[in-house]
PDB file of N, CA and C in Angstrom:
ATOM      1  N   HIS A   1      20.276  -2.469  89.430  1.00  0.00           N
ATOM      2  CA  HIS A   1      19.508  -1.398  90.024  1.00  0.00           C
ATOM      3  C   HIS A   1      19.399  -1.640  91.526  1.00  0.00           C
ATOM      4  N   GLY A   2      19.581  -0.618  92.296  1.00  0.00           N
ATOM      5  CA  GLY A   2      19.470  -0.747  93.741  1.00  0.00           C
ATOM      6  C   GLY A   2      20.817  -1.087  94.359  1.00  0.00           C
ATOM      7  N   ILE A   3      20.792  -1.302  95.656  1.00  0.00           N
ATOM      8  CA  ILE A   3      22.015  -1.570  96.396  1.00  0.00           C
ATOM      9  C   ILE A   3      22.108  -3.046  96.750  1.00  0.00           C
ATOM     10  N   VAL A   4      23.022  -3.745  96.122  1.00  0.00           N
ATOM     11  CA  VAL A   4      23.293  -5.153  96.417  1.00  0.00           C
ATOM     12  C   VAL A   4      24.134  -5.166  97.695  1.00  0.00           C
ATOM     13  N   LYS A   5      23.670  -5.877  98.714  1.00  0.00           N
ATOM     14  CA  LYS A   5      24.331  -5.817 100.022  1.00  0.00           C
ATOM     15  C   LYS A   5      25.614  -6.625 100.098  1.00  0.00           C
ATOM     16  N   ASP A   6      25.603  -7.841  99.581  1.00  0.00           N
ATOM     17  CA  ASP A   6      26.739  -8.739  99.753  1.00  0.00           C
ATOM     18  C   ASP A   6      27.139  -9.386  98.437  1.00  0.00           C
ATOM     19  N   ASP A   7      28.363  -9.888  98.394  1.00  0.00           N
ATOM     20  CA  ASP A   7      28.812 -10.732  97.294  1.00  0.00           C
ATOM     21  C   ASP A   7      28.138 -12.093  97.473  1.00  0.00           C
ATOM     22  N   GLY A   8      28.127 -12.906  96.413  1.00  0.00           N
ATOM     23  CA  GLY A   8      27.491 -14.204  96.581  1.00  0.00           C
ATOM     24  C   GLY A   8      27.582 -15.111  95.384  1.00  0.00           C
ATOM     25  N   ARG A   9      26.763 -16.146  95.447  1.00  0.00           N
ATOM     26  CA  ARG A   9      26.710 -17.180  94.411  1.00  0.00           C
ATOM     27  C   ARG A   9      25.249 -17.542  94.208  1.00  0.00           C
ATOM     28  N   ILE A  10      24.879 -17.712  92.956  1.00  0.00           N
ATOM     29  CA  ILE A  10      23.526 -18.148  92.616  1.00  0.00           C
ATOM     30  C   ILE A  10      23.639 -19.454  91.862  1.00  0.00           C
ATOM     31  N   GLU A  11      22.912 -20.451  92.322  1.00  0.00           N
ATOM     32  CA  GLU A  11      22.810 -21.752  91.645  1.00  0.00           C
ATOM     33  C   GLU A  11      21.338 -22.091  91.528  1.00  0.00           C
ATOM     34  N   ASN A  12      20.862 -22.190  90.297  1.00  0.00           N
ATOM     35  CA  ASN A  12      19.482 -22.589  90.075  1.00  0.00           C
ATOM     36  C   ASN A  12      19.339 -23.116  88.655  1.00  0.00           C
ATOM     37  N   TYR A  13      18.103 -23.360  88.258  1.00  0.00           N
ATOM     38  CA  TYR A  13      17.832 -23.858  86.914  1.00  0.00           C
ATOM     39  C   TYR A  13      17.124 -22.768  86.124  1.00  0.00           C
ATOM     40  N   ILE A  14      17.540 -22.603  84.868  1.00  0.00           N
ATOM     41  CA  ILE A  14      16.925 -21.620  83.979  1.00  0.00           C
ATOM     42  C   ILE A  14      16.263 -22.369  82.828  1.00  0.00           C
ATOM     43  N   GLU A  15      15.020 -21.953  82.539  1.00  0.00           N
ATOM     44  CA  GLU A  15      14.299 -22.536  81.406  1.00  0.00           C
ATOM     45  C   GLU A  15      13.784 -21.426  80.501  1.00  0.00           C
ATOM     46  N   LYS A  16      13.462 -21.788  79.286  1.00  0.00           N
ATOM     47  CA  LYS A  16      12.891 -20.855  78.325  1.00  0.00           C
ATOM     48  C   LYS A  16      11.399 -20.757  78.593  1.00  0.00           C
ATOM     49  N   SER A  17      10.898 -19.537  78.738  1.00  0.00           N
ATOM     50  CA  SER A  17       9.478 -19.308  78.971  1.00  0.00           C
ATOM     51  C   SER A  17       8.693 -19.592  77.695  1.00  0.00           C
ATOM     52  N   GLU A  18       7.559 -20.243  77.859  1.00  0.00           N
ATOM     53  CA  GLU A  18       6.709 -20.563  76.706  1.00  0.00           C
ATOM     54  C   GLU A  18       5.939 -19.329  76.214  1.00  0.00           C
ATOM     55  N   GLU A  19       5.649 -18.389  77.145  1.00  0.00           N
ATOM     56  CA  GLU A  19       4.807 -17.245  76.801  1.00  0.00           C
ATOM     57  C   GLU A  19       5.529 -16.184  75.972  1.00  0.00           C
ATOM     58  N   ASP A  20       6.747 -15.828  76.403  1.00  0.00           N
ATOM     59  CA  ASP A  20       7.365 -14.654  75.789  1.00  0.00           C
ATOM     60  C   ASP A  20       8.790 -14.886  75.286  1.00  0.00           C
ATOM     61  N   ASN A  21       9.233 -16.118  75.268  1.00  0.00           N
ATOM     62  CA  ASN A  21      10.538 -16.488  74.717  1.00  0.00           C
ATOM     63  C   ASN A  21      11.720 -15.981  75.560  1.00  0.00           C
ATOM     64  N   LYS A  22      11.440 -15.467  76.763  1.00  0.00           N
ATOM     65  CA  LYS A  22      12.509 -15.056  77.668  1.00  0.00           C
ATOM     66  C   LYS A  22      12.940 -16.266  78.493  1.00  0.00           C
ATOM     67  N   ARG A  23      13.940 -16.058  79.331  1.00  0.00           N
ATOM     68  CA  ARG A  23      14.393 -17.114  80.238  1.00  0.00           C
ATOM     69  C   ARG A  23      13.880 -16.815  81.636  1.00  0.00           C
ATOM     70  N   LYS A  24      13.677 -17.868  82.429  1.00  0.00           N
ATOM     71  CA  LYS A  24      13.220 -17.684  83.800  1.00  0.00           C
ATOM     72  C   LYS A  24      13.761 -18.808  84.672  1.00  0.00           C
ATOM     73  N   ILE A  25      13.732 -18.562  85.967  1.00  0.00           N
ATOM     74  CA  ILE A  25      14.195 -19.559  86.926  1.00  0.00           C
ATOM     75  C   ILE A  25      13.084 -20.567  87.166  1.00  0.00           C
ATOM     76  N   THR A  26      13.467 -21.824  87.288  1.00  0.00           N
ATOM     77  CA  THR A  26      12.511 -22.899  87.528  1.00  0.00           C
ATOM     78  C   THR A  26      13.060 -23.854  88.583  1.00  0.00           C
ATOM     79  N   ASP A  27      12.165 -24.554  89.235  1.00  0.00           N
ATOM     80  CA  ASP A  27      12.562 -25.618  90.166  1.00  0.00           C
ATOM     81  C   ASP A  27      12.559 -26.976  89.466  1.00  0.00           C
ATOM     82  N   ASP A  28      12.040 -27.000  88.240  1.00  0.00           N
ATOM     83  CA  ASP A  28      11.897 -28.248  87.485  1.00  0.00           C
ATOM     84  C   ASP A  28      13.216 -28.600  86.786  1.00  0.00           C
ATOM     85  N   LYS A  29      13.921 -29.570  87.328  1.00  0.00           N
ATOM     86  CA  LYS A  29      15.212 -29.977  86.770  1.00  0.00           C
ATOM     87  C   LYS A  29      15.066 -30.593  85.384  1.00  0.00           C
ATOM     88  N   GLU A  30      13.887 -31.083  85.068  1.00  0.00           N
ATOM     89  CA  GLU A  30      13.652 -31.682  83.751  1.00  0.00           C
ATOM     90  C   GLU A  30      13.530 -30.614  82.659  1.00  0.00           C
ATOM     91  N   LYS A  31      12.952 -29.465  82.998  1.00  0.00           N
ATOM     92  CA  LYS A  31      12.754 -28.398  82.013  1.00  0.00           C
ATOM     93  C   LYS A  31      13.937 -27.447  81.925  1.00  0.00           C
ATOM     94  N   GLY A  32      14.593 -27.206  83.062  1.00  0.00           N
ATOM     95  CA  GLY A  32      15.657 -26.210  83.098  1.00  0.00           C
ATOM     96  C   GLY A  32      17.045 -26.801  83.003  1.00  0.00           C
ATOM     97  N   LYS A  33      17.994 -25.910  82.806  1.00  0.00           N
ATOM     98  CA  LYS A  33      19.414 -26.278  82.796  1.00  0.00           C
ATOM     99  C   LYS A  33      20.090 -25.545  83.938  1.00  0.00           C
ATOM    100  N   ILE A  34      21.043 -26.205  84.582  1.00  0.00           N
ATOM    101  CA  ILE A  34      21.734 -25.606  85.720  1.00  0.00           C
ATOM    102  C   ILE A  34      22.443 -24.321  85.282  1.00  0.00           C
ATOM    103  N   ALA A  35      22.338 -23.304  86.131  1.00  0.00           N
ATOM    104  CA  ALA A  35      22.987 -22.022  85.881  1.00  0.00           C
ATOM    105  C   ALA A  35      23.666 -21.589  87.178  1.00  0.00           C
ATOM    106  N   ILE A  36      24.957 -21.309  87.106  1.00  0.00           N
ATOM    107  CA  ILE A  36      25.726 -20.919  88.286  1.00  0.00           C
ATOM    108  C   ILE A  36      26.483 -19.633  87.981  1.00  0.00           C
ATOM    109  N   SER A  37      26.326 -18.660  88.881  1.00  0.00           N
ATOM    110  CA  SER A  37      27.035 -17.381  88.763  1.00  0.00           C
ATOM    111  C   SER A  37      27.582 -16.981  90.128  1.00  0.00           C
ATOM    112  N   ASN A  38      28.797 -16.491  90.140  1.00  0.00           N
ATOM    113  CA  ASN A  38      29.338 -15.814  91.317  1.00  0.00           C
ATOM    114  C   ASN A  38      29.262 -14.327  91.012  1.00  0.00           C
ATOM    115  N   PHE A  39      29.000 -13.511  92.034  1.00  0.00           N
ATOM    116  CA  PHE A  39      28.943 -12.078  91.809  1.00  0.00           C
ATOM    117  C   PHE A  39      29.612 -11.341  92.957  1.00  0.00           C
ATOM    118  N   LYS A  40      30.157 -10.183  92.605  1.00  0.00           N
ATOM    119  CA  LYS A  40      30.892  -9.368  93.571  1.00  0.00           C
ATOM    120  C   LYS A  40      30.581  -7.899  93.321  1.00  0.00           C
ATOM    121  N   VAL A  41      30.259  -7.183  94.387  1.00  0.00           N
ATOM    122  CA  VAL A  41      29.998  -5.754  94.276  1.00  0.00           C
ATOM    123  C   VAL A  41      31.345  -5.042  94.136  1.00  0.00           C
ATOM    124  N   ILE A  42      31.507  -4.295  93.053  1.00  0.00           N
ATOM    125  CA  ILE A  42      32.731  -3.548  92.786  1.00  0.00           C
ATOM    126  C   ILE A  42      32.646  -2.164  93.423  1.00  0.00           C
ATOM    127  N   GLU A  43      31.491  -1.506  93.232  1.00  0.00           N
ATOM    128  CA  GLU A  43      31.316  -0.169  93.807  1.00  0.00           C
ATOM    129  C   GLU A  43      29.831   0.109  94.018  1.00  0.00           C
ATOM    130  N   ARG A  44      29.513   0.803  95.105  1.00  0.00           N
ATOM    131  CA  ARG A  44      28.140   1.199  95.397  1.00  0.00           C
ATOM    132  C   ARG A  44      27.999   2.696  95.124  1.00  0.00           C
ATOM    133  N   TYR A  45      26.878   3.052  94.487  1.00  0.00           N
ATOM    134  CA  TYR A  45      26.559   4.441  94.205  1.00  0.00           C
ATOM    135  C   TYR A  45      25.275   4.797  94.958  1.00  0.00           C
ATOM    136  N   LYS A  46      24.715   5.946  94.689  1.00  0.00           N
ATOM    137  CA  LYS A  46      23.517   6.391  95.399  1.00  0.00           C
ATOM    138  C   LYS A  46      22.341   5.421  95.223  1.00  0.00           C
ATOM    139  N   ASP A  47      22.024   5.078  93.993  1.00  0.00           N
ATOM    140  CA  ASP A  47      20.854   4.240  93.717  1.00  0.00           C
ATOM    141  C   ASP A  47      21.184   2.915  93.034  1.00  0.00           C
ATOM    142  N   ASN A  48      22.453   2.701  92.702  1.00  0.00           N
ATOM    143  CA  ASN A  48      22.842   1.526  91.925  1.00  0.00           C
ATOM    144  C   ASN A  48      24.182   0.990  92.391  1.00  0.00           C
ATOM    145  N   CYS A  49      24.547  -0.169  91.877  1.00  0.00           N
ATOM    146  CA  CYS A  49      25.852  -0.778  92.162  1.00  0.00           C
ATOM    147  C   CYS A  49      26.482  -1.251  90.865  1.00  0.00           C
ATOM    148  N   LEU A  50      27.795  -1.237  90.849  1.00  0.00           N
ATOM    149  CA  LEU A  50      28.542  -1.890  89.785  1.00  0.00           C
ATOM    150  C   LEU A  50      28.867  -3.282  90.306  1.00  0.00           C
ATOM    151  N   VAL A  51      28.364  -4.292  89.621  1.00  0.00           N
ATOM    152  CA  VAL A  51      28.520  -5.680  90.074  1.00  0.00           C
ATOM    153  C   VAL A  51      29.197  -6.485  88.971  1.00  0.00           C
ATOM    154  N   ALA A  52      30.207  -7.259  89.345  1.00  0.00           N
ATOM    155  CA  ALA A  52      30.876  -8.161  88.403  1.00  0.00           C
ATOM    156  C   ALA A  52      30.300  -9.557  88.582  1.00  0.00           C
ATOM    157  N   PHE A  53      29.881 -10.155  87.479  1.00  0.00           N
ATOM    158  CA  PHE A  53      29.388 -11.526  87.490  1.00  0.00           C
ATOM    159  C   PHE A  53      30.432 -12.426  86.855  1.00  0.00           C
ATOM    160  N   ARG A  54      30.643 -13.560  87.444  1.00  0.00           N
ATOM    161  CA  ARG A  54      31.482 -14.601  86.833  1.00  0.00           C
ATOM    162  C   ARG A  54      30.562 -15.781  86.585  1.00  0.00           C
ATOM    163  N   ILE A  55      30.230 -15.995  85.320  1.00  0.00           N
ATOM    164  CA  ILE A  55      29.309 -17.075  84.996  1.00  0.00           C
ATOM    165  C   ILE A  55      30.099 -18.362  84.812  1.00  0.00           C
ATOM    166  N   LEU A  56      29.626 -19.403  85.450  1.00  0.00           N
ATOM    167  CA  LEU A  56      30.311 -20.685  85.409  1.00  0.00           C
ATOM    168  C   LEU A  56      29.651 -21.668  84.454  1.00  0.00           C
ATOM    169  N   THR A  57      28.473 -21.313  83.926  1.00  0.00           N
ATOM    170  CA  THR A  57      27.758 -22.235  83.043  1.00  0.00           C
ATOM    171  C   THR A  57      27.411 -21.645  81.683  1.00  0.00           C
ATOM    172  N   GLY A  58      27.179 -20.362  81.574  1.00  0.00           N
ATOM    173  CA  GLY A  58      26.941 -19.713  80.283  1.00  0.00           C
ATOM    174  C   GLY A  58      25.605 -19.984  79.639  1.00  0.00           C
ATOM    175  N   ARG A  59      24.540 -19.867  80.383  1.00  0.00           N
ATOM    176  CA  ARG A  59      23.193 -20.005  79.813  1.00  0.00           C
ATOM    177  C   ARG A  59      22.775 -18.698  79.145  1.00  0.00           C
ATOM    178  N   THR A  60      21.866 -18.781  78.202  1.00  0.00           N
ATOM    179  CA  THR A  60      21.349 -17.602  77.524  1.00  0.00           C
ATOM    180  C   THR A  60      20.709 -16.660  78.540  1.00  0.00           C
ATOM    181  N   HIS A  61      21.101 -15.410  78.522  1.00  0.00           N
ATOM    182  CA  HIS A  61      20.584 -14.352  79.388  1.00  0.00           C
ATOM    183  C   HIS A  61      20.842 -14.620  80.873  1.00  0.00           C
ATOM    184  N   GLN A  62      21.827 -15.429  81.187  1.00  0.00           N
ATOM    185  CA  GLN A  62      22.072 -15.841  82.569  1.00  0.00           C
ATOM    186  C   GLN A  62      22.288 -14.666  83.519  1.00  0.00           C
ATOM    187  N   ILE A  63      23.120 -13.705  83.152  1.00  0.00           N
ATOM    188  CA  ILE A  63      23.370 -12.568  84.037  1.00  0.00           C
ATOM    189  C   ILE A  63      22.082 -11.778  84.248  1.00  0.00           C
ATOM    190  N   ARG A  64      21.341 -11.570  83.207  1.00  0.00           N
ATOM    191  CA  ARG A  64      20.092 -10.813  83.304  1.00  0.00           C
ATOM    192  C   ARG A  64      19.086 -11.518  84.205  1.00  0.00           C
ATOM    193  N   VAL A  65      18.952 -12.828  84.057  1.00  0.00           N
ATOM    194  CA  VAL A  65      18.016 -13.606  84.874  1.00  0.00           C
ATOM    195  C   VAL A  65      18.476 -13.640  86.330  1.00  0.00           C
ATOM    196  N   HIS A  66      19.765 -13.826  86.558  1.00  0.00           N
ATOM    197  CA  HIS A  66      20.270 -13.873  87.927  1.00  0.00           C
ATOM    198  C   HIS A  66      20.181 -12.508  88.612  1.00  0.00           C
ATOM    199  N   ALA A  67      20.425 -11.424  87.897  1.00  0.00           N
ATOM    200  CA  ALA A  67      20.277 -10.085  88.481  1.00  0.00           C
ATOM    201  C   ALA A  67      18.817  -9.849  88.880  1.00  0.00           C
ATOM    202  N   LYS A  68      17.896 -10.252  88.025  1.00  0.00           N
ATOM    203  CA  LYS A  68      16.467 -10.127  88.346  1.00  0.00           C
ATOM    204  C   LYS A  68      16.128 -10.975  89.571  1.00  0.00           C
ATOM    205  N   HIS A  69      16.675 -12.162  89.657  1.00  0.00           N
ATOM    206  CA  HIS A  69      16.447 -13.057  90.798  1.00  0.00           C
ATOM    207  C   HIS A  69      16.904 -12.409  92.109  1.00  0.00           C
ATOM    208  N   LEU A  70      17.981 -11.636  92.052  1.00  0.00           N
ATOM    209  CA  LEU A  70      18.482 -10.916  93.227  1.00  0.00           C
ATOM    210  C   LEU A  70      17.614  -9.698  93.574  1.00  0.00           C
ATOM    211  N   LEU A  71      16.620  -9.414  92.736  1.00  0.00           N
ATOM    212  CA  LEU A  71      15.760  -8.235  92.852  1.00  0.00           C
ATOM    213  C   LEU A  71      16.533  -6.951  92.564  1.00  0.00           C
ATOM    214  N   HIS A  72      17.575  -7.085  91.747  1.00  0.00           N
ATOM    215  CA  HIS A  72      18.387  -5.956  91.307  1.00  0.00           C
ATOM    216  C   HIS A  72      18.655  -6.107  89.808  1.00  0.00           C
ATOM    217  N   PRO A  73      17.619  -5.864  88.975  1.00  0.00           N
ATOM    218  CA  PRO A  73      17.809  -6.050  87.535  1.00  0.00           C
ATOM    219  C   PRO A  73      18.877  -5.123  86.965  1.00  0.00           C
ATOM    220  N   VAL A  74      19.419  -5.499  85.839  1.00  0.00           N
ATOM    221  CA  VAL A  74      20.422  -4.690  85.150  1.00  0.00           C
ATOM    222  C   VAL A  74      19.778  -3.364  84.739  1.00  0.00           C
ATOM    223  N   VAL A  75      20.445  -2.275  85.054  1.00  0.00           N
ATOM    224  CA  VAL A  75      19.930  -0.945  84.714  1.00  0.00           C
ATOM    225  C   VAL A  75      19.732  -0.847  83.206  1.00  0.00           C
ATOM    226  N   GLY A  76      18.551  -0.418  82.810  1.00  0.00           N
ATOM    227  CA  GLY A  76      18.230  -0.248  81.394  1.00  0.00           C
ATOM    228  C   GLY A  76      17.674  -1.491  80.724  1.00  0.00           C
ATOM    229  N   ASP A  77      17.633  -2.612  81.419  1.00  0.00           N
ATOM    230  CA  ASP A  77      17.150  -3.867  80.835  1.00  0.00           C
ATOM    231  C   ASP A  77      15.639  -3.991  81.035  1.00  0.00           C
ATOM    232  N   LEU A  78      14.891  -3.393  80.135  1.00  0.00           N
ATOM    233  CA  LEU A  78      13.432  -3.381  80.244  1.00  0.00           C
ATOM    234  C   LEU A  78      12.825  -4.774  80.109  1.00  0.00           C
ATOM    235  N   ALA A  79      13.476  -5.669  79.400  1.00  0.00           N
ATOM    236  CA  ALA A  79      12.946  -7.015  79.194  1.00  0.00           C
ATOM    237  C   ALA A  79      12.963  -7.854  80.473  1.00  0.00           C
ATOM    238  N   TYR A  80      13.925  -7.606  81.347  1.00  0.00           N
ATOM    239  CA  TYR A  80      14.065  -8.430  82.541  1.00  0.00           C
ATOM    240  C   TYR A  80      13.888  -7.647  83.837  1.00  0.00           C
ATOM    241  N   GLY A  81      13.024  -6.651  83.831  1.00  0.00           N
ATOM    242  CA  GLY A  81      12.583  -6.108  85.083  1.00  0.00           C
ATOM    243  C   GLY A  81      12.942  -4.695  85.459  1.00  0.00           C
ATOM    244  N   TYR A  82      13.782  -3.985  84.710  1.00  0.00           N
ATOM    245  CA  TYR A  82      14.100  -2.610  85.061  1.00  0.00           C
ATOM    246  C   TYR A  82      12.925  -1.727  84.711  1.00  0.00           C
ATOM    247  N   LYS A  83      12.404  -0.993  85.674  1.00  0.00           N
ATOM    248  CA  LYS A  83      11.151  -0.246  85.471  1.00  0.00           C
ATOM    249  C   LYS A  83      11.318   1.233  85.174  1.00  0.00           C
ATOM    250  N   LYS A  84      12.438   1.834  85.563  1.00  0.00           N
ATOM    251  CA  LYS A  84      12.603   3.276  85.363  1.00  0.00           C
ATOM    252  C   LYS A  84      12.940   3.596  83.909  1.00  0.00           C
ATOM    253  N   PRO A  85      12.514   4.798  83.452  1.00  0.00           N
ATOM    254  CA  PRO A  85      12.856   5.176  82.067  1.00  0.00           C
ATOM    255  C   PRO A  85      14.335   5.482  81.917  1.00  0.00           C
TER     256      PRO A  85
END
């Protein structure tokens, strides 16, 4: 959702949330597992972008968590931050 300005790489740690069983980014290397994704904007539209992710680690919900981290959640993904109906 929204306009992603540049291509890039995300490297962080993802852990399982205790409250709602979702995944989230953490700074705690003991709790989380390394997650690395490269992403590239394929096409920009009026309100959204088509973005290709290349996941290098394969954590559960990694693309969804990384898209949310970029402040551009996956369109239609109500669990990880998309707010529009």
